[in-house]
Amino acid sequence: MDLLKKRILLDGKILPGNVLKVDSFLNHQMDISLFSEMGKEFHRRFQDDNVTKILTIEASGIGIACIAAQSFGVPVVFAKKSKSINLPEDVYTSKVESFTHGRVYDIIVAKDYLSKDDRVLIIDDFLAMGHALLGLSKLVIDAGATLIGAGIAIEKGFQPGGALLRNQGIRVESLAIISSMDDRGVLFA
């Protein structure tokens, strides 16, 4: 998606450790016009799959998922990274290692919000190692729901996550795939 690639080149910052900082438009301050175009593109790519729910993980994926859900006319469910007192006891759980935060989270979704009748599209901001998507996929499988695939804003194609998921038969549609990045800039696949 050219609009997203242009924003990455214009406003993205490369930090040590292969971290792409896009918080001025994607995951801290959010450009809703950009999100709207991204949502339309996810809908274009998955419109024939009868999506009934969009699933994401807190926190950075929520904004993109919500705007995408408007295009699909479906609800968003987000996996929480900590159990709160208002969550029921009957939940699906999975473990996820965060590339950015360098820690493992238990992610949680109440069983009330995923069922065997659901056709689930996962939406997230980044795909690097694939751990978040594998954890979210496990929640879908545990619910007996159908996993349609994953819509990703930015995929780091030089890291193994995309290949890992695709090799497991998961359909991954990324709006921008970065083939390499260093202090000279970003190259797209």
N, C-alpha and C. Protein backbone atom coordinates (compact mmCIF):
# COMPACT_ATOMS: atom_id res chain seq x y z
N MET A 1 0.85 -1.18 0.00
CA MET A 1 0.00 0.00 0.00
C MET A 1 0.89 1.24 0.00
N ASP A 2 0.86 1.95 -1.08
CA ASP A 2 1.78 3.06 -1.29
C ASP A 2 1.66 4.16 -0.24
N LEU A 3 0.45 4.47 0.19
CA LEU A 3 0.25 5.53 1.18
C LEU A 3 0.98 5.20 2.48
N LEU A 4 0.88 3.97 2.95
CA LEU A 4 1.56 3.56 4.18
C LEU A 4 3.08 3.57 3.98
N LYS A 5 3.54 3.08 2.85
CA LYS A 5 4.99 3.06 2.58
C LYS A 5 5.55 4.49 2.58
N LYS A 6 4.83 5.41 1.99
CA LYS A 6 5.28 6.81 1.98
C LYS A 6 5.40 7.37 3.39
N ARG A 7 4.42 7.05 4.25
CA ARG A 7 4.47 7.53 5.63
C ARG A 7 5.64 6.92 6.39
N ILE A 8 5.92 5.65 6.14
CA ILE A 8 7.07 5.01 6.79
C ILE A 8 8.35 5.72 6.38
N LEU A 9 8.50 5.98 5.09
CA LEU A 9 9.70 6.66 4.61
C LEU A 9 9.80 8.09 5.12
N LEU A 10 8.68 8.78 5.21
CA LEU A 10 8.66 10.18 5.63
C LEU A 10 8.83 10.33 7.14
N ASP A 11 8.08 9.54 7.92
CA ASP A 11 8.00 9.76 9.37
C ASP A 11 8.58 8.64 10.23
N GLY A 12 8.90 7.50 9.64
CA GLY A 12 9.46 6.39 10.42
C GLY A 12 10.89 6.66 10.82
N LYS A 13 11.27 6.12 11.96
CA LYS A 13 12.64 6.26 12.46
C LYS A 13 13.17 4.87 12.80
N ILE A 14 14.38 4.59 12.38
CA ILE A 14 15.00 3.29 12.64
C ILE A 14 15.83 3.41 13.91
N LEU A 15 15.54 2.54 14.86
CA LEU A 15 16.26 2.51 16.13
C LEU A 15 17.13 1.26 16.18
N PRO A 16 18.12 1.25 17.05
CA PRO A 16 18.96 0.04 17.19
C PRO A 16 18.12 -1.20 17.49
N GLY A 17 18.58 -2.34 17.01
CA GLY A 17 17.88 -3.60 17.27
C GLY A 17 16.77 -3.89 16.28
N ASN A 18 16.83 -3.29 15.09
CA ASN A 18 15.80 -3.50 14.05
C ASN A 18 14.42 -3.07 14.50
N VAL A 19 14.36 -1.99 15.24
CA VAL A 19 13.08 -1.43 15.68
C VAL A 19 12.73 -0.26 14.76
N LEU A 20 11.53 -0.32 14.19
CA LEU A 20 11.03 0.78 13.36
C LEU A 20 10.04 1.57 14.20
N LYS A 21 10.38 2.81 14.47
CA LYS A 21 9.52 3.68 15.28
C LYS A 21 8.57 4.43 14.36
N VAL A 22 7.29 4.12 14.50
CA VAL A 22 6.25 4.76 13.68
C VAL A 22 5.16 5.33 14.58
N ASP A 23 5.58 5.75 15.76
CA ASP A 23 4.59 6.19 16.75
C ASP A 23 4.00 7.56 16.45
N SER A 24 4.52 8.28 15.47
CA SER A 24 3.93 9.58 15.14
C SER A 24 2.67 9.44 14.28
N PHE A 25 2.42 8.23 13.73
CA PHE A 25 1.23 8.05 12.90
C PHE A 25 0.54 6.70 13.06
N LEU A 26 1.18 5.72 13.72
CA LEU A 26 0.60 4.39 13.74
C LEU A 26 0.27 3.87 15.13
N ASN A 27 1.19 3.95 16.07
CA ASN A 27 0.92 3.25 17.32
C ASN A 27 1.16 4.06 18.60
N HIS A 28 1.14 5.35 18.50
CA HIS A 28 1.05 6.21 19.69
C HIS A 28 0.11 7.35 19.36
N GLN A 29 0.51 8.15 18.40
CA GLN A 29 -0.40 9.10 17.76
C GLN A 29 -0.91 8.39 16.50
N MET A 30 -2.22 8.41 16.29
CA MET A 30 -2.78 7.63 15.19
C MET A 30 -3.37 8.54 14.12
N ASP A 31 -2.97 8.30 12.88
CA ASP A 31 -3.49 9.03 11.73
C ASP A 31 -4.74 8.29 11.25
N ILE A 32 -5.90 8.78 11.63
CA ILE A 32 -7.15 8.09 11.35
C ILE A 32 -7.47 8.06 9.86
N SER A 33 -7.07 9.08 9.13
CA SER A 33 -7.27 9.04 7.67
C SER A 33 -6.47 7.90 7.05
N LEU A 34 -5.24 7.72 7.50
CA LEU A 34 -4.42 6.60 7.03
C LEU A 34 -5.06 5.28 7.45
N PHE A 35 -5.51 5.19 8.70
CA PHE A 35 -6.17 3.97 9.19
C PHE A 35 -7.40 3.64 8.34
N SER A 36 -8.14 4.66 7.96
CA SER A 36 -9.33 4.44 7.14
C SER A 36 -8.96 3.81 5.81
N GLU A 37 -7.91 4.30 5.18
CA GLU A 37 -7.46 3.72 3.91
C GLU A 37 -6.94 2.29 4.12
N MET A 38 -6.26 2.07 5.23
CA MET A 38 -5.78 0.72 5.54
C MET A 38 -6.96 -0.22 5.76
N GLY A 39 -7.97 0.24 6.48
CA GLY A 39 -9.16 -0.58 6.71
C GLY A 39 -9.86 -0.95 5.42
N LYS A 40 -9.96 0.01 4.51
CA LYS A 40 -10.57 -0.27 3.20
C LYS A 40 -9.75 -1.30 2.43
N GLU A 41 -8.42 -1.21 2.54
CA GLU A 41 -7.57 -2.16 1.83
C GLU A 41 -7.68 -3.56 2.44
N PHE A 42 -7.73 -3.66 3.76
CA PHE A 42 -7.95 -4.98 4.38
C PHE A 42 -9.29 -5.55 3.92
N HIS A 43 -10.32 -4.70 3.87
CA HIS A 43 -11.63 -5.16 3.43
C HIS A 43 -11.57 -5.63 1.98
N ARG A 44 -10.87 -4.89 1.14
CA ARG A 44 -10.74 -5.30 -0.26
C ARG A 44 -10.11 -6.69 -0.37
N ARG A 45 -9.10 -6.93 0.45
CA ARG A 45 -8.37 -8.20 0.37
C ARG A 45 -9.14 -9.38 0.98
N PHE A 46 -10.00 -9.11 1.96
CA PHE A 46 -10.69 -10.20 2.67
C PHE A 46 -12.22 -10.14 2.52
N GLN A 47 -12.74 -9.33 1.62
CA GLN A 47 -14.18 -9.10 1.53
C GLN A 47 -14.99 -10.35 1.18
N ASP A 48 -14.40 -11.32 0.53
CA ASP A 48 -15.13 -12.52 0.13
C ASP A 48 -15.07 -13.64 1.16
N ASP A 49 -14.49 -13.36 2.33
CA ASP A 49 -14.27 -14.40 3.33
C ASP A 49 -15.29 -14.44 4.46
N ASN A 50 -16.34 -13.64 4.36
CA ASN A 50 -17.43 -13.65 5.36
C ASN A 50 -16.92 -13.52 6.79
N VAL A 51 -16.06 -12.53 7.01
CA VAL A 51 -15.51 -12.26 8.35
C VAL A 51 -16.65 -11.88 9.29
N THR A 52 -16.67 -12.48 10.48
CA THR A 52 -17.67 -12.13 11.50
C THR A 52 -17.07 -11.41 12.70
N LYS A 53 -15.76 -11.55 12.90
CA LYS A 53 -15.07 -10.88 14.01
C LYS A 53 -13.66 -10.52 13.58
N ILE A 54 -13.19 -9.42 14.12
CA ILE A 54 -11.78 -9.06 13.99
C ILE A 54 -11.16 -9.20 15.37
N LEU A 55 -10.01 -9.87 15.40
CA LEU A 55 -9.29 -10.11 16.65
C LEU A 55 -7.94 -9.42 16.59
N THR A 56 -7.57 -8.76 17.68
CA THR A 56 -6.25 -8.13 17.78
C THR A 56 -5.76 -8.29 19.21
N ILE A 57 -4.61 -7.72 19.47
CA ILE A 57 -4.01 -7.79 20.80
C ILE A 57 -3.78 -6.37 21.29
N GLU A 58 -3.97 -6.15 22.59
CA GLU A 58 -3.72 -4.80 23.08
C GLU A 58 -2.23 -4.50 23.01
N ALA A 59 -1.82 -3.34 22.71
CA ALA A 59 -2.61 -2.15 22.60
C ALA A 59 -2.54 -1.59 21.18
N SER A 60 -1.39 -1.70 20.54
CA SER A 60 -1.19 -0.97 19.28
C SER A 60 -2.08 -1.43 18.13
N GLY A 61 -2.56 -2.64 18.16
CA GLY A 61 -3.41 -3.12 17.07
C GLY A 61 -4.85 -2.67 17.16
N ILE A 62 -5.27 -2.17 18.31
CA ILE A 62 -6.69 -1.87 18.52
C ILE A 62 -7.20 -0.78 17.59
N GLY A 63 -6.46 0.29 17.43
CA GLY A 63 -6.92 1.39 16.57
C GLY A 63 -7.13 0.93 15.13
N ILE A 64 -6.15 0.24 14.58
CA ILE A 64 -6.25 -0.24 13.21
C ILE A 64 -7.41 -1.22 13.08
N ALA A 65 -7.53 -2.13 14.05
CA ALA A 65 -8.60 -3.13 14.02
C ALA A 65 -9.98 -2.46 14.05
N CYS A 66 -10.14 -1.45 14.88
CA CYS A 66 -11.44 -0.78 14.98
C CYS A 66 -11.83 -0.10 13.69
N ILE A 67 -10.89 0.59 13.06
CA ILE A 67 -11.21 1.26 11.81
C ILE A 67 -11.48 0.23 10.71
N ALA A 68 -10.69 -0.85 10.68
CA ALA A 68 -10.93 -1.91 9.69
C ALA A 68 -12.30 -2.53 9.91
N ALA A 69 -12.70 -2.71 11.16
CA ALA A 69 -13.99 -3.32 11.47
C ALA A 69 -15.15 -2.51 10.90
N GLN A 70 -14.99 -1.21 10.80
CA GLN A 70 -16.04 -0.39 10.19
C GLN A 70 -16.27 -0.79 8.74
N SER A 71 -15.20 -1.10 8.03
CA SER A 71 -15.35 -1.53 6.64
C SER A 71 -16.04 -2.87 6.52
N PHE A 72 -15.82 -3.74 7.50
CA PHE A 72 -16.43 -5.08 7.49
C PHE A 72 -17.81 -5.09 8.13
N GLY A 73 -18.10 -4.11 8.98
CA GLY A 73 -19.36 -4.09 9.71
C GLY A 73 -19.44 -5.19 10.76
N VAL A 74 -18.29 -5.46 11.42
CA VAL A 74 -18.23 -6.52 12.44
C VAL A 74 -17.59 -5.98 13.71
N PRO A 75 -17.76 -6.69 14.83
CA PRO A 75 -17.12 -6.24 16.07
C PRO A 75 -15.64 -6.60 16.13
N VAL A 76 -14.94 -5.90 17.01
CA VAL A 76 -13.54 -6.16 17.31
C VAL A 76 -13.46 -6.79 18.69
N VAL A 77 -12.65 -7.83 18.79
CA VAL A 77 -12.32 -8.43 20.08
C VAL A 77 -10.82 -8.24 20.26
N PHE A 78 -10.41 -7.74 21.43
CA PHE A 78 -8.97 -7.65 21.63
C PHE A 78 -8.55 -8.50 22.81
N ALA A 79 -7.44 -9.20 22.60
CA ALA A 79 -6.86 -10.04 23.66
C ALA A 79 -6.17 -9.13 24.65
N LYS A 80 -6.52 -9.33 25.91
CA LYS A 80 -5.91 -8.53 26.98
C LYS A 80 -4.62 -9.19 27.43
N LYS A 81 -3.69 -8.35 27.88
CA LYS A 81 -2.39 -8.86 28.33
C LYS A 81 -2.33 -9.08 29.83
N SER A 82 -3.42 -8.81 30.51
CA SER A 82 -3.46 -9.09 31.94
C SER A 82 -4.91 -9.34 32.34
N LYS A 83 -5.08 -10.18 33.31
CA LYS A 83 -6.42 -10.52 33.78
C LYS A 83 -6.88 -9.45 34.77
N SER A 84 -8.06 -8.91 34.53
CA SER A 84 -8.62 -7.90 35.43
C SER A 84 -9.80 -8.51 36.18
N ILE A 85 -10.27 -7.80 37.18
CA ILE A 85 -11.36 -8.34 38.00
C ILE A 85 -12.68 -8.42 37.24
N ASN A 86 -12.81 -7.67 36.15
CA ASN A 86 -14.08 -7.72 35.42
C ASN A 86 -14.09 -8.78 34.31
N LEU A 87 -13.00 -9.54 34.16
CA LEU A 87 -13.00 -10.65 33.21
C LEU A 87 -13.61 -11.87 33.86
N PRO A 88 -14.44 -12.61 33.13
CA PRO A 88 -15.00 -13.83 33.71
C PRO A 88 -13.92 -14.89 33.88
N GLU A 89 -14.24 -15.95 34.58
CA GLU A 89 -13.30 -17.05 34.77
C GLU A 89 -13.15 -17.89 33.50
N ASP A 90 -14.18 -17.91 32.66
CA ASP A 90 -14.21 -18.75 31.47
C ASP A 90 -13.56 -18.01 30.30
N VAL A 91 -12.25 -18.26 30.10
CA VAL A 91 -11.49 -17.52 29.10
C VAL A 91 -10.63 -18.47 28.27
N TYR A 92 -10.24 -17.97 27.10
CA TYR A 92 -9.20 -18.61 26.30
C TYR A 92 -7.90 -17.89 26.62
N THR A 93 -6.81 -18.64 26.75
CA THR A 93 -5.51 -18.02 27.04
C THR A 93 -4.43 -18.59 26.12
N SER A 94 -3.41 -17.79 25.96
CA SER A 94 -2.25 -18.19 25.18
C SER A 94 -1.07 -17.36 25.65
N LYS A 95 0.12 -17.84 25.42
CA LYS A 95 1.33 -17.10 25.78
C LYS A 95 1.90 -16.45 24.53
N VAL A 96 2.37 -15.20 24.68
CA VAL A 96 2.93 -14.45 23.57
C VAL A 96 4.20 -13.76 24.04
N GLU A 97 5.27 -13.93 23.27
CA GLU A 97 6.51 -13.21 23.54
C GLU A 97 6.53 -11.95 22.70
N SER A 98 6.71 -10.81 23.34
CA SER A 98 6.74 -9.52 22.64
C SER A 98 8.16 -9.20 22.19
N PHE A 99 8.34 -9.01 20.88
CA PHE A 99 9.64 -8.61 20.33
C PHE A 99 10.03 -7.25 20.86
N THR A 100 9.10 -6.31 20.87
CA THR A 100 9.41 -4.93 21.26
C THR A 100 9.68 -4.79 22.75
N HIS A 101 8.90 -5.50 23.57
CA HIS A 101 9.04 -5.35 25.02
C HIS A 101 9.96 -6.38 25.65
N GLY A 102 10.31 -7.42 24.92
CA GLY A 102 11.24 -8.43 25.43
C GLY A 102 10.71 -9.19 26.62
N ARG A 103 9.41 -9.49 26.62
CA ARG A 103 8.83 -10.27 27.71
C ARG A 103 7.69 -11.14 27.20
N VAL A 104 7.27 -12.09 28.04
CA VAL A 104 6.20 -13.01 27.68
C VAL A 104 4.93 -12.58 28.40
N TYR A 105 3.82 -12.54 27.64
CA TYR A 105 2.52 -12.18 28.20
C TYR A 105 1.58 -13.37 28.09
N ASP A 106 0.68 -13.48 29.06
CA ASP A 106 -0.48 -14.35 28.89
C ASP A 106 -1.55 -13.48 28.28
N ILE A 107 -2.04 -13.85 27.10
CA ILE A 107 -3.12 -13.08 26.50
C ILE A 107 -4.44 -13.80 26.76
N ILE A 108 -5.50 -13.02 26.91
CA ILE A 108 -6.77 -13.54 27.42
C ILE A 108 -7.93 -12.97 26.62
N VAL A 109 -8.86 -13.85 26.23
CA VAL A 109 -10.13 -13.42 25.64
C VAL A 109 -11.24 -14.20 26.32
N ALA A 110 -12.28 -13.50 26.76
CA ALA A 110 -13.44 -14.16 27.37
C ALA A 110 -14.11 -15.06 26.32
N LYS A 111 -14.51 -16.24 26.76
CA LYS A 111 -15.14 -17.20 25.84
C LYS A 111 -16.45 -16.67 25.27
N ASP A 112 -17.05 -15.69 25.92
CA ASP A 112 -18.28 -15.08 25.40
C ASP A 112 -18.09 -14.43 24.04
N TYR A 113 -16.84 -14.08 23.69
CA TYR A 113 -16.62 -13.25 22.50
C TYR A 113 -16.00 -13.97 21.31
N LEU A 114 -15.68 -15.25 21.46
CA LEU A 114 -15.23 -16.07 20.34
C LEU A 114 -15.97 -17.40 20.40
N SER A 115 -16.55 -17.80 19.26
CA SER A 115 -17.27 -19.08 19.26
C SER A 115 -16.97 -19.85 17.99
N LYS A 116 -17.43 -21.08 17.94
CA LYS A 116 -17.20 -21.96 16.79
C LYS A 116 -17.87 -21.41 15.53
N ASP A 117 -18.83 -20.54 15.67
CA ASP A 117 -19.52 -19.97 14.51
C ASP A 117 -18.78 -18.78 13.90
N ASP A 118 -17.75 -18.30 14.57
CA ASP A 118 -17.05 -17.10 14.10
C ASP A 118 -16.05 -17.41 13.00
N ARG A 119 -15.92 -16.45 12.09
CA ARG A 119 -14.91 -16.45 11.03
C ARG A 119 -14.03 -15.23 11.32
N VAL A 120 -12.83 -15.49 11.82
CA VAL A 120 -12.01 -14.47 12.46
C VAL A 120 -10.86 -14.00 11.57
N LEU A 121 -10.77 -12.70 11.46
CA LEU A 121 -9.63 -12.05 10.81
C LEU A 121 -8.81 -11.38 11.90
N ILE A 122 -7.54 -11.74 11.97
CA ILE A 122 -6.63 -11.09 12.91
C ILE A 122 -6.05 -9.85 12.24
N ILE A 123 -6.03 -8.74 12.97
CA ILE A 123 -5.42 -7.50 12.48
C ILE A 123 -4.38 -7.06 13.51
N ASP A 124 -3.20 -6.68 13.03
CA ASP A 124 -2.17 -6.17 13.95
C ASP A 124 -1.30 -5.15 13.24
N ASP A 125 -0.56 -4.38 14.03
CA ASP A 125 0.26 -3.32 13.47
C ASP A 125 1.56 -3.84 12.87
N PHE A 126 2.22 -4.78 13.54
CA PHE A 126 3.51 -5.28 13.09
C PHE A 126 3.54 -6.80 13.06
N LEU A 127 4.34 -7.33 12.16
CA LEU A 127 4.69 -8.74 12.14
C LEU A 127 6.20 -8.81 12.04
N ALA A 128 6.84 -9.39 13.06
CA ALA A 128 8.29 -9.54 13.06
C ALA A 128 8.63 -11.02 13.26
N MET A 129 8.54 -11.49 14.48
CA MET A 129 8.86 -12.88 14.79
C MET A 129 7.64 -13.80 14.66
N GLY A 130 6.45 -13.24 14.71
CA GLY A 130 5.22 -14.01 14.54
C GLY A 130 4.59 -14.51 15.82
N HIS A 131 5.17 -14.19 16.97
CA HIS A 131 4.66 -14.72 18.23
C HIS A 131 3.25 -14.24 18.56
N ALA A 132 2.99 -12.96 18.35
CA ALA A 132 1.65 -12.44 18.66
C ALA A 132 0.59 -13.13 17.80
N LEU A 133 0.88 -13.27 16.51
CA LEU A 133 -0.10 -13.90 15.62
C LEU A 133 -0.29 -15.37 15.94
N LEU A 134 0.78 -16.06 16.32
CA LEU A 134 0.63 -17.47 16.72
C LEU A 134 -0.23 -17.58 17.97
N GLY A 135 -0.01 -16.68 18.93
CA GLY A 135 -0.82 -16.68 20.15
C GLY A 135 -2.28 -16.38 19.87
N LEU A 136 -2.53 -15.39 19.01
CA LEU A 136 -3.91 -15.06 18.64
C LEU A 136 -4.54 -16.21 17.85
N SER A 137 -3.78 -16.84 16.97
CA SER A 137 -4.29 -17.99 16.22
C SER A 137 -4.71 -19.12 17.15
N LYS A 138 -3.93 -19.34 18.20
CA LYS A 138 -4.27 -20.38 19.17
C LYS A 138 -5.62 -20.09 19.83
N LEU A 139 -5.89 -18.81 20.14
CA LEU A 139 -7.18 -18.46 20.74
C LEU A 139 -8.33 -18.81 19.79
N VAL A 140 -8.14 -18.52 18.50
CA VAL A 140 -9.17 -18.82 17.49
C VAL A 140 -9.39 -20.33 17.40
N ILE A 141 -8.30 -21.08 17.35
CA ILE A 141 -8.39 -22.54 17.26
C ILE A 141 -9.05 -23.11 18.51
N ASP A 142 -8.65 -22.62 19.68
CA ASP A 142 -9.23 -23.11 20.94
C ASP A 142 -10.74 -22.85 20.99
N ALA A 143 -11.19 -21.77 20.36
CA ALA A 143 -12.63 -21.45 20.33
C ALA A 143 -13.37 -22.30 19.31
N GLY A 144 -12.64 -23.03 18.47
CA GLY A 144 -13.28 -23.80 17.40
C GLY A 144 -13.74 -22.94 16.25
N ALA A 145 -13.29 -21.68 16.23
CA ALA A 145 -13.66 -20.74 15.17
C ALA A 145 -12.80 -20.98 13.93
N THR A 146 -13.16 -20.34 12.85
CA THR A 146 -12.41 -20.43 11.60
C THR A 146 -11.47 -19.23 11.51
N LEU A 147 -10.19 -19.50 11.33
CA LEU A 147 -9.21 -18.43 11.14
C LEU A 147 -9.15 -18.11 9.65
N ILE A 148 -9.59 -16.92 9.28
CA ILE A 148 -9.57 -16.48 7.89
C ILE A 148 -8.16 -16.13 7.46
N GLY A 149 -7.46 -15.44 8.33
CA GLY A 149 -6.10 -15.01 8.04
C GLY A 149 -5.72 -13.85 8.91
N ALA A 150 -4.64 -13.16 8.50
CA ALA A 150 -4.13 -12.03 9.28
C ALA A 150 -3.86 -10.87 8.35
N GLY A 151 -4.32 -9.69 8.74
CA GLY A 151 -4.04 -8.45 8.05
C GLY A 151 -3.03 -7.67 8.88
N ILE A 152 -1.89 -7.37 8.29
CA ILE A 152 -0.80 -6.73 9.01
C ILE A 152 -0.49 -5.39 8.36
N ALA A 153 -0.31 -4.37 9.16
CA ALA A 153 0.08 -3.07 8.61
C ALA A 153 1.51 -3.15 8.07
N ILE A 154 2.47 -3.49 8.93
CA ILE A 154 3.88 -3.52 8.53
C ILE A 154 4.49 -4.87 8.89
N GLU A 155 5.02 -5.54 7.89
CA GLU A 155 5.73 -6.80 8.11
C GLU A 155 7.21 -6.58 7.90
N LYS A 156 8.01 -7.05 8.84
CA LYS A 156 9.47 -7.04 8.68
C LYS A 156 9.83 -8.34 7.97
N GLY A 157 9.89 -8.27 6.64
CA GLY A 157 10.11 -9.45 5.83
C GLY A 157 11.46 -10.10 6.04
N PHE A 158 12.39 -9.39 6.64
CA PHE A 158 13.72 -9.92 6.90
C PHE A 158 13.76 -10.70 8.22
N GLN A 159 12.66 -10.73 8.94
CA GLN A 159 12.56 -11.54 10.16
C GLN A 159 11.63 -12.72 9.86
N PRO A 160 11.67 -13.79 10.66
CA PRO A 160 11.05 -15.05 10.26
C PRO A 160 9.54 -15.17 10.44
N GLY A 161 8.88 -14.22 11.04
CA GLY A 161 7.46 -14.36 11.37
C GLY A 161 6.55 -14.63 10.19
N GLY A 162 6.69 -13.87 9.14
CA GLY A 162 5.82 -14.04 7.97
C GLY A 162 5.96 -15.42 7.36
N ALA A 163 7.20 -15.87 7.16
CA ALA A 163 7.43 -17.20 6.58
C ALA A 163 6.91 -18.29 7.52
N LEU A 164 7.12 -18.13 8.81
CA LEU A 164 6.64 -19.11 9.79
C LEU A 164 5.12 -19.29 9.70
N LEU A 165 4.41 -18.19 9.67
CA LEU A 165 2.94 -18.25 9.60
C LEU A 165 2.46 -18.80 8.27
N ARG A 166 3.04 -18.32 7.19
CA ARG A 166 2.63 -18.80 5.86
C ARG A 166 2.92 -20.29 5.71
N ASN A 167 4.05 -20.77 6.26
CA ASN A 167 4.38 -22.19 6.21
C ASN A 167 3.41 -23.05 7.01
N GLN A 168 2.71 -22.43 7.96
CA GLN A 168 1.69 -23.14 8.73
C GLN A 168 0.32 -23.04 8.06
N GLY A 169 0.28 -22.45 6.89
CA GLY A 169 -0.97 -22.36 6.13
C GLY A 169 -1.84 -21.17 6.49
N ILE A 170 -1.30 -20.23 7.25
CA ILE A 170 -2.06 -19.04 7.62
C ILE A 170 -1.90 -17.99 6.51
N ARG A 171 -3.01 -17.51 6.03
CA ARG A 171 -2.97 -16.44 5.02
C ARG A 171 -2.59 -15.14 5.70
N VAL A 172 -1.50 -14.53 5.22
CA VAL A 172 -1.01 -13.27 5.77
C VAL A 172 -1.01 -12.24 4.65
N GLU A 173 -1.72 -11.15 4.88
CA GLU A 173 -1.77 -10.03 3.93
C GLU A 173 -1.19 -8.80 4.63
N SER A 174 0.00 -8.39 4.18
CA SER A 174 0.68 -7.24 4.79
C SER A 174 0.61 -6.05 3.84
N LEU A 175 0.32 -4.88 4.39
CA LEU A 175 0.18 -3.68 3.56
C LEU A 175 1.52 -3.09 3.16
N ALA A 176 2.54 -3.30 3.99
CA ALA A 176 3.91 -2.87 3.67
C ALA A 176 4.85 -3.94 4.19
N ILE A 177 5.68 -4.49 3.30
CA ILE A 177 6.67 -5.50 3.71
C ILE A 177 8.04 -4.88 3.54
N ILE A 178 8.76 -4.80 4.64
CA ILE A 178 10.11 -4.24 4.63
C ILE A 178 11.10 -5.38 4.38
N SER A 179 11.90 -5.25 3.34
CA SER A 179 12.89 -6.29 3.04
C SER A 179 14.19 -6.05 3.80
N SER A 180 14.50 -4.78 4.10
CA SER A 180 15.68 -4.47 4.91
C SER A 180 15.56 -3.05 5.43
N MET A 181 16.27 -2.81 6.53
CA MET A 181 16.35 -1.46 7.05
C MET A 181 17.64 -1.33 7.83
N ASP A 182 18.23 -0.15 7.73
CA ASP A 182 19.44 0.16 8.49
C ASP A 182 19.53 1.68 8.60
N ASP A 183 20.64 2.16 9.06
CA ASP A 183 20.75 3.62 9.29
C ASP A 183 20.66 4.44 8.01
N ARG A 184 20.70 3.79 6.84
CA ARG A 184 20.53 4.50 5.58
C ARG A 184 19.08 4.58 5.14
N GLY A 185 18.21 3.74 5.74
CA GLY A 185 16.80 3.81 5.39
C GLY A 185 16.13 2.46 5.32
N VAL A 186 14.95 2.47 4.72
CA VAL A 186 14.08 1.30 4.62
C VAL A 186 13.95 0.92 3.15
N LEU A 187 14.03 -0.38 2.87
CA LEU A 187 13.73 -0.91 1.54
C LEU A 187 12.53 -1.82 1.64
N PHE A 188 11.60 -1.71 0.68
CA PHE A 188 10.40 -2.52 0.68
C PHE A 188 10.53 -3.68 -0.31
N ALA A 189 9.86 -4.77 0.01
CA ALA A 189 9.85 -5.94 -0.87
C ALA A 189 9.01 -5.65 -2.09
